[in-house]
C-alpha atoms as a PDB file:
ATOM      1  CA  MET A   1      71.523  19.960 -42.155  1.00  0.00           C
ATOM      2  CA  PRO A   2      71.952  16.176 -42.316  1.00  0.00           C
ATOM      3  CA  ILE A   3      69.229  13.558 -42.353  1.00  0.00           C
ATOM      4  CA  GLY A   4      69.395  11.191 -39.392  1.00  0.00           C
ATOM      5  CA  ILE A   5      68.915   7.483 -40.105  1.00  0.00           C
ATOM      6  CA  ILE A   6      68.356   4.932 -37.356  1.00  0.00           C
ATOM      7  CA  CYS A   7      68.304   1.145 -37.532  1.00  0.00           C
ATOM      8  CA  ALA A   8      67.871  -1.202 -34.591  1.00  0.00           C
ATOM      9  CA  ILE A   9      69.681  -4.381 -35.617  1.00  0.00           C
ATOM     10  CA  PRO A  10      72.644  -5.267 -37.873  1.00  0.00           C
ATOM     11  CA  GLN A  11      70.416  -6.810 -40.560  1.00  0.00           C
ATOM     12  CA  GLU A  12      68.689  -3.437 -40.989  1.00  0.00           C
ATOM     13  CA  LEU A  13      71.950  -1.471 -41.023  1.00  0.00           C
ATOM     14  CA  VAL A  14      74.157  -3.491 -43.330  1.00  0.00           C
ATOM     15  CA  GLU A  15      72.952  -2.323 -46.754  1.00  0.00           C
ATOM     16  CA  LEU A  16      72.810   1.344 -45.798  1.00  0.00           C
ATOM     17  CA  GLU A  17      76.261   1.221 -44.221  1.00  0.00           C
ATOM     18  CA  ALA A  18      77.718  -0.444 -47.318  1.00  0.00           C
ATOM     19  CA  ALA A  19      76.320   2.310 -49.562  1.00  0.00           C
ATOM     20  CA  LEU A  20      77.516   5.224 -47.410  1.00  0.00           C
ATOM     21  CA  VAL A  21      80.109   7.410 -49.162  1.00  0.00           C
ATOM     22  CA  ALA A  22      83.060   9.210 -47.511  1.00  0.00           C
ATOM     23  CA  GLU A  23      82.085   8.292 -44.001  1.00  0.00           C
ATOM     24  CA  THR A  24      83.585   9.538 -40.763  1.00  0.00           C
ATOM     25  CA  VAL A  25      82.773   8.052 -37.382  1.00  0.00           C
ATOM     26  CA  GLU A  26      81.974   9.759 -34.102  1.00  0.00           C
ATOM     27  CA  ARG A  27      81.447   7.530 -31.095  1.00  0.00           C
ATOM     28  CA  ARG A  28      78.807   8.610 -28.592  1.00  0.00           C
ATOM     29  CA  ALA A  29      77.086   6.646 -25.808  1.00  0.00           C
ATOM     30  CA  GLY A  30      78.915   3.508 -26.937  1.00  0.00           C
ATOM     31  CA  LEU A  31      77.533   3.764 -30.489  1.00  0.00           C
ATOM     32  CA  ASP A  32      79.118   4.664 -33.834  1.00  0.00           C
ATOM     33  CA  PHE A  33      77.484   7.608 -35.621  1.00  0.00           C
ATOM     34  CA  LEU A  34      78.539   7.300 -39.270  1.00  0.00           C
ATOM     35  CA  GLN A  35      78.615  10.599 -41.160  1.00  0.00           C
ATOM     36  CA  GLY A  36      78.700  10.610 -44.942  1.00  0.00           C
ATOM     37  CA  ARG A  37      76.569  10.857 -48.054  1.00  0.00           C
ATOM     38  CA  LEU A  38      73.854   8.521 -49.251  1.00  0.00           C
ATOM     39  CA  GLU A  39      72.015   9.062 -52.529  1.00  0.00           C
ATOM     40  CA  GLY A  40      73.622  12.490 -52.670  1.00  0.00           C
ATOM     41  CA  ARG A  41      72.336  13.620 -49.268  1.00  0.00           C
ATOM     42  CA  GLU A  42      74.331  14.307 -46.130  1.00  0.00           C
ATOM     43  CA  VAL A  43      73.328  11.724 -43.519  1.00  0.00           C
ATOM     44  CA  VAL A  44      74.226  10.451 -40.073  1.00  0.00           C
ATOM     45  CA  LEU A  45      73.592   6.707 -39.781  1.00  0.00           C
ATOM     46  CA  VAL A  46      73.519   4.799 -36.502  1.00  0.00           C
ATOM     47  CA  GLY A  47      72.558   1.375 -35.191  1.00  0.00           C
ATOM     48  CA  ALA A  48      70.669   2.198 -32.007  1.00  0.00           C
ATOM     49  CA  GLY A  49      69.817  -1.232 -30.678  1.00  0.00           C
ATOM     50  CA  ILE A  50      66.334  -2.475 -29.876  1.00  0.00           C
ATOM     51  CA  GLY A  51      63.642  -0.648 -27.938  1.00  0.00           C
ATOM     52  CA  LYS A  52      62.196   2.744 -27.155  1.00  0.00           C
ATOM     53  CA  VAL A  53      64.856   3.894 -24.678  1.00  0.00           C
ATOM     54  CA  ASN A  54      67.700   3.249 -27.123  1.00  0.00           C
ATOM     55  CA  THR A  55      65.785   5.041 -29.862  1.00  0.00           C
ATOM     56  CA  ALA A  56      64.965   8.035 -27.675  1.00  0.00           C
ATOM     57  CA  MET A  57      68.618   8.403 -26.682  1.00  0.00           C
ATOM     58  CA  VAL A  58      69.911   8.141 -30.235  1.00  0.00           C
ATOM     59  CA  THR A  59      67.239  10.452 -31.674  1.00  0.00           C
ATOM     60  CA  THR A  60      68.126  13.085 -29.080  1.00  0.00           C
ATOM     61  CA  LEU A  61      71.797  12.854 -30.033  1.00  0.00           C
ATOM     62  CA  LEU A  62      71.047  13.007 -33.761  1.00  0.00           C
ATOM     63  CA  VAL A  63      69.007  16.170 -33.369  1.00  0.00           C
ATOM     64  CA  ASP A  64      70.896  17.951 -30.599  1.00  0.00           C
ATOM     65  CA  ARG A  65      74.473  16.929 -31.418  1.00  0.00           C
ATOM     66  CA  PHE A  66      74.384  16.489 -35.199  1.00  0.00           C
ATOM     67  CA  GLY A  67      71.525  18.840 -36.162  1.00  0.00           C
ATOM     68  CA  ALA A  68      69.590  16.129 -38.017  1.00  0.00           C
ATOM     69  CA  ASP A  69      66.209  16.952 -39.575  1.00  0.00           C
ATOM     70  CA  PRO A  70      64.328  14.808 -40.389  1.00  0.00           C
ATOM     71  CA  VAL A  71      65.167  11.601 -38.531  1.00  0.00           C
ATOM     72  CA  ILE A  72      64.149   8.377 -40.258  1.00  0.00           C
ATOM     73  CA  PHE A  73      63.874   4.859 -38.894  1.00  0.00           C
ATOM     74  CA  SER A  74      64.442   2.129 -41.478  1.00  0.00           C
ATOM     75  CA  GLY A  75      63.811  -1.466 -40.485  1.00  0.00           C
ATOM     76  CA  VAL A  76      61.441  -4.361 -40.067  1.00  0.00           C
ATOM     77  CA  ALA A  77      58.236  -4.919 -38.114  1.00  0.00           C
ATOM     78  CA  GLY A  78      55.561  -7.474 -37.387  1.00  0.00           C
ATOM     79  CA  GLY A  79      52.369  -7.299 -39.383  1.00  0.00           C
ATOM     80  CA  LEU A  80      49.033  -6.726 -37.622  1.00  0.00           C
ATOM     81  CA  ASP A  81      46.677  -6.042 -40.512  1.00  0.00           C
ATOM     82  CA  PRO A  82      45.549  -9.433 -41.906  1.00  0.00           C
ATOM     83  CA  ALA A  83      45.398  -7.913 -45.387  1.00  0.00           C
ATOM     84  CA  LEU A  84      49.187  -7.495 -45.400  1.00  0.00           C
ATOM     85  CA  HIS A  85      51.874 -10.106 -46.042  1.00  0.00           C
ATOM     86  CA  ILE A  86      55.528 -10.693 -45.254  1.00  0.00           C
ATOM     87  CA  GLY A  87      57.579  -8.328 -47.410  1.00  0.00           C
ATOM     88  CA  ASP A  88      54.968  -5.562 -47.595  1.00  0.00           C
ATOM     89  CA  VAL A  89      56.191  -2.129 -46.451  1.00  0.00           C
ATOM     90  CA  VAL A  90      54.298   0.120 -44.037  1.00  0.00           C
ATOM     91  CA  VAL A  91      55.170   3.807 -43.893  1.00  0.00           C
ATOM     92  CA  ALA A  92      53.795   5.349 -40.719  1.00  0.00           C
ATOM     93  CA  ASP A  93      51.451   8.314 -40.913  1.00  0.00           C
ATOM     94  CA  ARG A  94      51.100   7.992 -37.124  1.00  0.00           C
ATOM     95  CA  THR A  95      52.699   5.982 -34.328  1.00  0.00           C
ATOM     96  CA  VAL A  96      51.132   4.904 -31.025  1.00  0.00           C
ATOM     97  CA  GLN A  97      52.965   3.481 -28.005  1.00  0.00           C
ATOM     98  CA  HIS A  98      50.670   0.544 -27.345  1.00  0.00           C
ATOM     99  CA  ASP A  99      52.336  -0.421 -24.052  1.00  0.00           C
ATOM    100  CA  ALA A 100      51.661   2.973 -22.399  1.00  0.00           C
ATOM    101  CA  GLY A 101      48.428   3.453 -20.475  1.00  0.00           C
ATOM    102  CA  VAL A 102      46.412   2.416 -17.460  1.00  0.00           C
ATOM    103  CA  ILE A 103      46.078  -1.115 -16.054  1.00  0.00           C
ATOM    104  CA  GLU A 104      42.701  -1.797 -14.437  1.00  0.00           C
ATOM    105  CA  GLU A 105      41.204  -5.193 -13.669  1.00  0.00           C
ATOM    106  CA  ARG A 106      44.310  -6.913 -15.052  1.00  0.00           C
ATOM    107  CA  ARG A 107      43.967  -5.243 -18.459  1.00  0.00           C
ATOM    108  CA  LEU A 108      45.947  -2.447 -20.103  1.00  0.00           C
ATOM    109  CA  THR A 109      44.020   0.367 -21.742  1.00  0.00           C
ATOM    110  CA  THR A 110      46.404   2.224 -24.038  1.00  0.00           C
ATOM    111  CA  TYR A 111      46.698   5.953 -23.366  1.00  0.00           C
ATOM    112  CA  GLN A 112      48.982   8.707 -24.614  1.00  0.00           C
ATOM    113  CA  ALA A 113      52.573   8.165 -23.471  1.00  0.00           C
ATOM    114  CA  GLY A 114      53.499  10.540 -20.654  1.00  0.00           C
ATOM    115  CA  HIS A 115      49.881  11.098 -19.638  1.00  0.00           C
ATOM    116  CA  VAL A 116      47.412   9.588 -17.186  1.00  0.00           C
ATOM    117  CA  PRO A 117      43.659  10.222 -17.638  1.00  0.00           C
ATOM    118  CA  PHE A 118      43.045  11.444 -14.081  1.00  0.00           C
ATOM    119  CA  PHE A 119      46.274  13.445 -13.681  1.00  0.00           C
ATOM    120  CA  ASN A 120      47.205  15.144 -16.974  1.00  0.00           C
ATOM    121  CA  PRO A 121      44.477  14.058 -19.399  1.00  0.00           C
ATOM    122  CA  THR A 122      44.677  14.533 -23.149  1.00  0.00           C
ATOM    123  CA  ASP A 123      42.541  13.744 -26.169  1.00  0.00           C
ATOM    124  CA  ARG A 124      45.594  12.749 -28.187  1.00  0.00           C
ATOM    125  CA  LEU A 125      46.670   9.210 -28.936  1.00  0.00           C
ATOM    126  CA  GLY A 126      49.931   8.854 -30.763  1.00  0.00           C
ATOM    127  CA  TYR A 127      52.072  11.154 -32.886  1.00  0.00           C
ATOM    128  CA  ALA A 128      51.373  12.116 -36.487  1.00  0.00           C
ATOM    129  CA  VAL A 129      54.050  12.601 -39.128  1.00  0.00           C
ATOM    130  CA  PRO A 130      54.179  16.337 -40.001  1.00  0.00           C
ATOM    131  CA  GLU A 131      51.775  16.788 -42.895  1.00  0.00           C
ATOM    132  CA  PRO A 132      54.133  18.607 -45.320  1.00  0.00           C
ATOM    133  CA  LEU A 133      56.711  15.833 -44.932  1.00  0.00           C
ATOM    134  CA  LEU A 134      54.081  13.094 -45.270  1.00  0.00           C
ATOM    135  CA  ALA A 135      52.695  14.683 -48.444  1.00  0.00           C
ATOM    136  CA  LYS A 136      56.197  14.789 -49.924  1.00  0.00           C
ATOM    137  CA  VAL A 137      56.713  11.100 -49.110  1.00  0.00           C
ATOM    138  CA  ARG A 138      53.355  10.074 -50.587  1.00  0.00           C
ATOM    139  CA  ALA A 139      54.191  11.884 -53.827  1.00  0.00           C
ATOM    140  CA  ALA A 140      57.687  10.384 -53.969  1.00  0.00           C
ATOM    141  CA  LEU A 141      56.386   6.828 -53.544  1.00  0.00           C
ATOM    142  CA  GLU A 142      53.567   7.137 -56.067  1.00  0.00           C
ATOM    143  CA  GLY A 143      54.005   4.320 -58.577  1.00  0.00           C
ATOM    144  CA  VAL A 144      57.118   2.856 -56.893  1.00  0.00           C
ATOM    145  CA  SER A 145      57.240  -0.932 -56.901  1.00  0.00           C
ATOM    146  CA  LEU A 146      59.467  -3.407 -55.110  1.00  0.00           C
ATOM    147  CA  PRO A 147      60.809  -6.650 -56.550  1.00  0.00           C
ATOM    148  CA  PRO A 148      59.158  -9.890 -55.383  1.00  0.00           C
ATOM    149  CA  LEU A 149      60.757 -11.666 -52.456  1.00  0.00           C
ATOM    150  CA  SER A 150      62.841 -14.687 -53.315  1.00  0.00           C
ATOM    151  CA  ARG A 151      61.334 -18.136 -53.003  1.00  0.00           C
ATOM    152  CA  ARG A 152      63.692 -18.748 -50.095  1.00  0.00           C
ATOM    153  CA  ALA A 153      62.015 -15.905 -48.225  1.00  0.00           C
ATOM    154  CA  GLY A 154      58.540 -17.143 -49.024  1.00  0.00           C
ATOM    155  CA  GLY A 155      58.060 -14.931 -52.066  1.00  0.00           C
ATOM    156  CA  THR A 156      55.579 -15.462 -54.870  1.00  0.00           C
ATOM    157  CA  ASP A 157      55.262 -13.713 -58.194  1.00  0.00           C
ATOM    158  CA  GLY A 158      53.426 -10.825 -56.533  1.00  0.00           C
ATOM    159  CA  ARG A 159      55.254  -7.638 -55.670  1.00  0.00           C
ATOM    160  CA  PRO A 160      55.258  -6.352 -52.084  1.00  0.00           C
ATOM    161  CA  ARG A 161      52.809  -3.547 -51.367  1.00  0.00           C
ATOM    162  CA  ILE A 162      53.699  -0.111 -49.976  1.00  0.00           C
ATOM    163  CA  VAL A 163      50.996   1.218 -47.654  1.00  0.00           C
ATOM    164  CA  PHE A 164      50.570   4.096 -45.220  1.00  0.00           C
ATOM    165  CA  GLY A 165      48.976   3.771 -41.794  1.00  0.00           C
ATOM    166  CA  THR A 166      49.351   3.557 -38.030  1.00  0.00           C
ATOM    167  CA  ILE A 167      52.371   1.719 -36.649  1.00  0.00           C
ATOM    168  CA  LEU A 168      52.322   0.612 -33.011  1.00  0.00           C
ATOM    169  CA  SER A 169      55.414   0.607 -30.794  1.00  0.00           C
ATOM    170  CA  GLY A 170      56.118  -1.148 -27.509  1.00  0.00           C
ATOM    171  CA  ASP A 171      58.963  -2.797 -25.653  1.00  0.00           C
ATOM    172  CA  GLN A 172      57.521  -6.239 -26.319  1.00  0.00           C
ATOM    173  CA  TYR A 173      58.156  -8.727 -29.105  1.00  0.00           C
ATOM    174  CA  ILE A 174      54.695  -9.919 -30.174  1.00  0.00           C
ATOM    175  CA  HIS A 175      54.597 -13.703 -30.545  1.00  0.00           C
ATOM    176  CA  CYS A 176      50.887 -14.180 -29.858  1.00  0.00           C
ATOM    177  CA  GLU A 177      47.996 -14.423 -32.293  1.00  0.00           C
ATOM    178  CA  ALA A 178      45.409 -13.176 -29.781  1.00  0.00           C
ATOM    179  CA  THR A 179      47.493 -10.074 -29.036  1.00  0.00           C
ATOM    180  CA  ARG A 180      48.029  -9.440 -32.739  1.00  0.00           C
ATOM    181  CA  GLU A 181      44.281  -9.544 -33.328  1.00  0.00           C
ATOM    182  CA  ARG A 182      43.555  -7.282 -30.345  1.00  0.00           C
ATOM    183  CA  LEU A 183      46.109  -4.644 -31.316  1.00  0.00           C
ATOM    184  CA  PHE A 184      44.711  -4.489 -34.819  1.00  0.00           C
ATOM    185  CA  ARG A 185      41.099  -4.436 -33.645  1.00  0.00           C
ATOM    186  CA  GLU A 186      41.477  -1.881 -30.861  1.00  0.00           C
ATOM    187  CA  LEU A 187      44.220   0.418 -32.152  1.00  0.00           C
ATOM    188  CA  GLY A 188      44.081  -0.045 -35.915  1.00  0.00           C
ATOM    189  CA  GLY A 189      47.783  -0.693 -36.246  1.00  0.00           C
ATOM    190  CA  LYS A 190      49.019  -2.069 -39.539  1.00  0.00           C
ATOM    191  CA  ALA A 191      52.355  -3.093 -38.012  1.00  0.00           C
ATOM    192  CA  VAL A 192      54.027  -3.354 -34.623  1.00  0.00           C
ATOM    193  CA  GLU A 193      57.632  -2.706 -33.635  1.00  0.00           C
ATOM    194  CA  MET A 194      59.690  -1.467 -30.696  1.00  0.00           C
ATOM    195  CA  GLU A 195      61.061   1.973 -31.598  1.00  0.00           C
ATOM    196  CA  GLY A 196      58.954   4.311 -33.750  1.00  0.00           C
ATOM    197  CA  GLY A 197      56.793   5.735 -30.970  1.00  0.00           C
ATOM    198  CA  ALA A 198      59.877   7.021 -29.145  1.00  0.00           C
ATOM    199  CA  LEU A 199      61.318   8.437 -32.365  1.00  0.00           C
ATOM    200  CA  ALA A 200      58.129  10.414 -32.944  1.00  0.00           C
ATOM    201  CA  GLN A 201      57.849  11.667 -29.368  1.00  0.00           C
ATOM    202  CA  VAL A 202      61.418  12.991 -29.304  1.00  0.00           C
ATOM    203  CA  CYS A 203      61.242  14.555 -32.772  1.00  0.00           C
ATOM    204  CA  GLU A 204      57.999  16.323 -31.939  1.00  0.00           C
ATOM    205  CA  ALA A 205      59.570  17.732 -28.766  1.00  0.00           C
ATOM    206  CA  PHE A 206      62.465  19.138 -30.818  1.00  0.00           C
ATOM    207  CA  GLY A 207      60.230  20.336 -33.642  1.00  0.00           C
ATOM    208  CA  VAL A 208      61.862  18.229 -36.364  1.00  0.00           C
ATOM    209  CA  GLY A 209      60.395  15.858 -38.910  1.00  0.00           C
ATOM    210  CA  TRP A 210      60.436  12.093 -38.670  1.00  0.00           C
ATOM    211  CA  LEU A 211      59.569   8.985 -40.673  1.00  0.00           C
ATOM    212  CA  ASP A 212      59.145   5.333 -39.722  1.00  0.00           C
ATOM    213  CA  ILE A 213      59.554   2.895 -42.634  1.00  0.00           C
ATOM    214  CA  ARG A 214      58.974  -0.780 -41.894  1.00  0.00           C
ATOM    215  CA  ALA A 215      59.024  -3.900 -44.030  1.00  0.00           C
ATOM    216  CA  LEU A 216      57.105  -6.823 -42.548  1.00  0.00           C
ATOM    217  CA  SER A 217      59.429  -9.630 -41.486  1.00  0.00           C
ATOM    218  CA  ASP A 218      56.725 -11.625 -39.692  1.00  0.00           C
ATOM    219  CA  LEU A 219      53.000 -11.488 -38.902  1.00  0.00           C
ATOM    220  CA  ALA A 220      53.305 -11.027 -35.115  1.00  0.00           C
ATOM    221  CA  GLY A 221      51.459 -14.265 -34.417  1.00  0.00           C
ATOM    222  CA  GLY A 222      52.347 -17.694 -33.114  1.00  0.00           C
ATOM    223  CA  THR A 223      55.132 -18.296 -35.656  1.00  0.00           C
ATOM    224  CA  SER A 224      56.639 -14.798 -35.619  1.00  0.00           C
ATOM    225  CA  ARG A 225      59.969 -15.737 -34.073  1.00  0.00           C
ATOM    226  CA  PHE A 226      60.548 -18.352 -36.778  1.00  0.00           C
ATOM    227  CA  ASP A 227      59.338 -16.081 -39.603  1.00  0.00           C
ATOM    228  CA  PHE A 228      61.613 -13.276 -38.390  1.00  0.00           C
ATOM    229  CA  ALA A 229      64.734 -15.420 -38.509  1.00  0.00           C
ATOM    230  CA  THR A 230      63.891 -16.630 -42.011  1.00  0.00           C
ATOM    231  CA  PHE A 231      62.903 -13.365 -43.665  1.00  0.00           C
ATOM    232  CA  VAL A 232      64.598 -10.505 -41.793  1.00  0.00           C
ATOM    233  CA  GLU A 233      67.639  -9.965 -44.011  1.00  0.00           C
ATOM    234  CA  GLU A 234      65.834  -9.872 -47.337  1.00  0.00           C
ATOM    235  CA  VAL A 235      62.877  -7.913 -45.995  1.00  0.00           C
ATOM    236  CA  ALA A 236      65.112  -5.303 -44.342  1.00  0.00           C
ATOM    237  CA  ALA A 237      66.585  -4.627 -47.776  1.00  0.00           C
ATOM    238  CA  SER A 238      63.138  -3.519 -48.969  1.00  0.00           C
ATOM    239  CA  SER A 239      62.914  -0.915 -46.235  1.00  0.00           C
ATOM    240  CA  ALA A 240      66.403   0.315 -47.114  1.00  0.00           C
ATOM    241  CA  ALA A 241      65.423   0.531 -50.798  1.00  0.00           C
ATOM    242  CA  ILE A 242      62.425   2.719 -49.978  1.00  0.00           C
ATOM    243  CA  LEU A 243      64.602   4.965 -47.827  1.00  0.00           C
ATOM    244  CA  ARG A 244      67.225   5.339 -50.544  1.00  0.00           C
ATOM    245  CA  HIS A 245      64.526   6.221 -53.066  1.00  0.00           C
ATOM    246  CA  LEU A 246      63.169   8.905 -50.741  1.00  0.00           C
ATOM    247  CA  LEU A 247      66.429  10.584 -49.723  1.00  0.00           C
ATOM    248  CA  PRO A 248      67.000  12.719 -52.855  1.00  0.00           C
ATOM    249  CA  ARG A 249      63.353  13.817 -52.721  1.00  0.00           C
ATOM    250  CA  LEU A 250      63.216  15.010 -49.124  1.00  0.00           C
END
């Protein structure tokens, strides 16, 4: 069965699309699903657009129409953990939809998507990557290093880090230092984006594996919109490089 690969924006898609071999195209829901081989593996690659609804729709099609397993998101994210820097890569071991929950006294308390504490309560928060798949990814990335970012993209002589941890998802672009600090403090997210939580929810429902690989294009604070525009293309290439390294090993 093929591996499904999702990107949200053209900057995330371009390198993977260029490397795809012997592709055919099937158009569904106004999107092009590119079928071919990448690093020797059969894949279906698609640019889904931004947000959880787009990702849920595309993930459903990849699994139900194309038989994909696992489904992998490759792209960029905003950093939440102050120990991380632009260019570092976060591989999710869990995703949480930070914009789902209960609003009381003008404040959102995050709760498991699809649940309400007083109606269908649950002790869960978020979705974990299936352990056998996560163990395989950890082993495959052991000792892997990425080249430093260019000076144009704010790089130094240090190489970007590859870390595992919680990634938060919500249909909001975070351009606020106070929100960045709160999301890290309360939910422990290392990065924040707009798609991975939906990917995980759909894949779990279908019983297939999933991965969310994100290179940090900004630090989700007061300058994030400017950082994103400056760094997104080069940083997205790091996420694509990690994905291409993993494909033959999955």
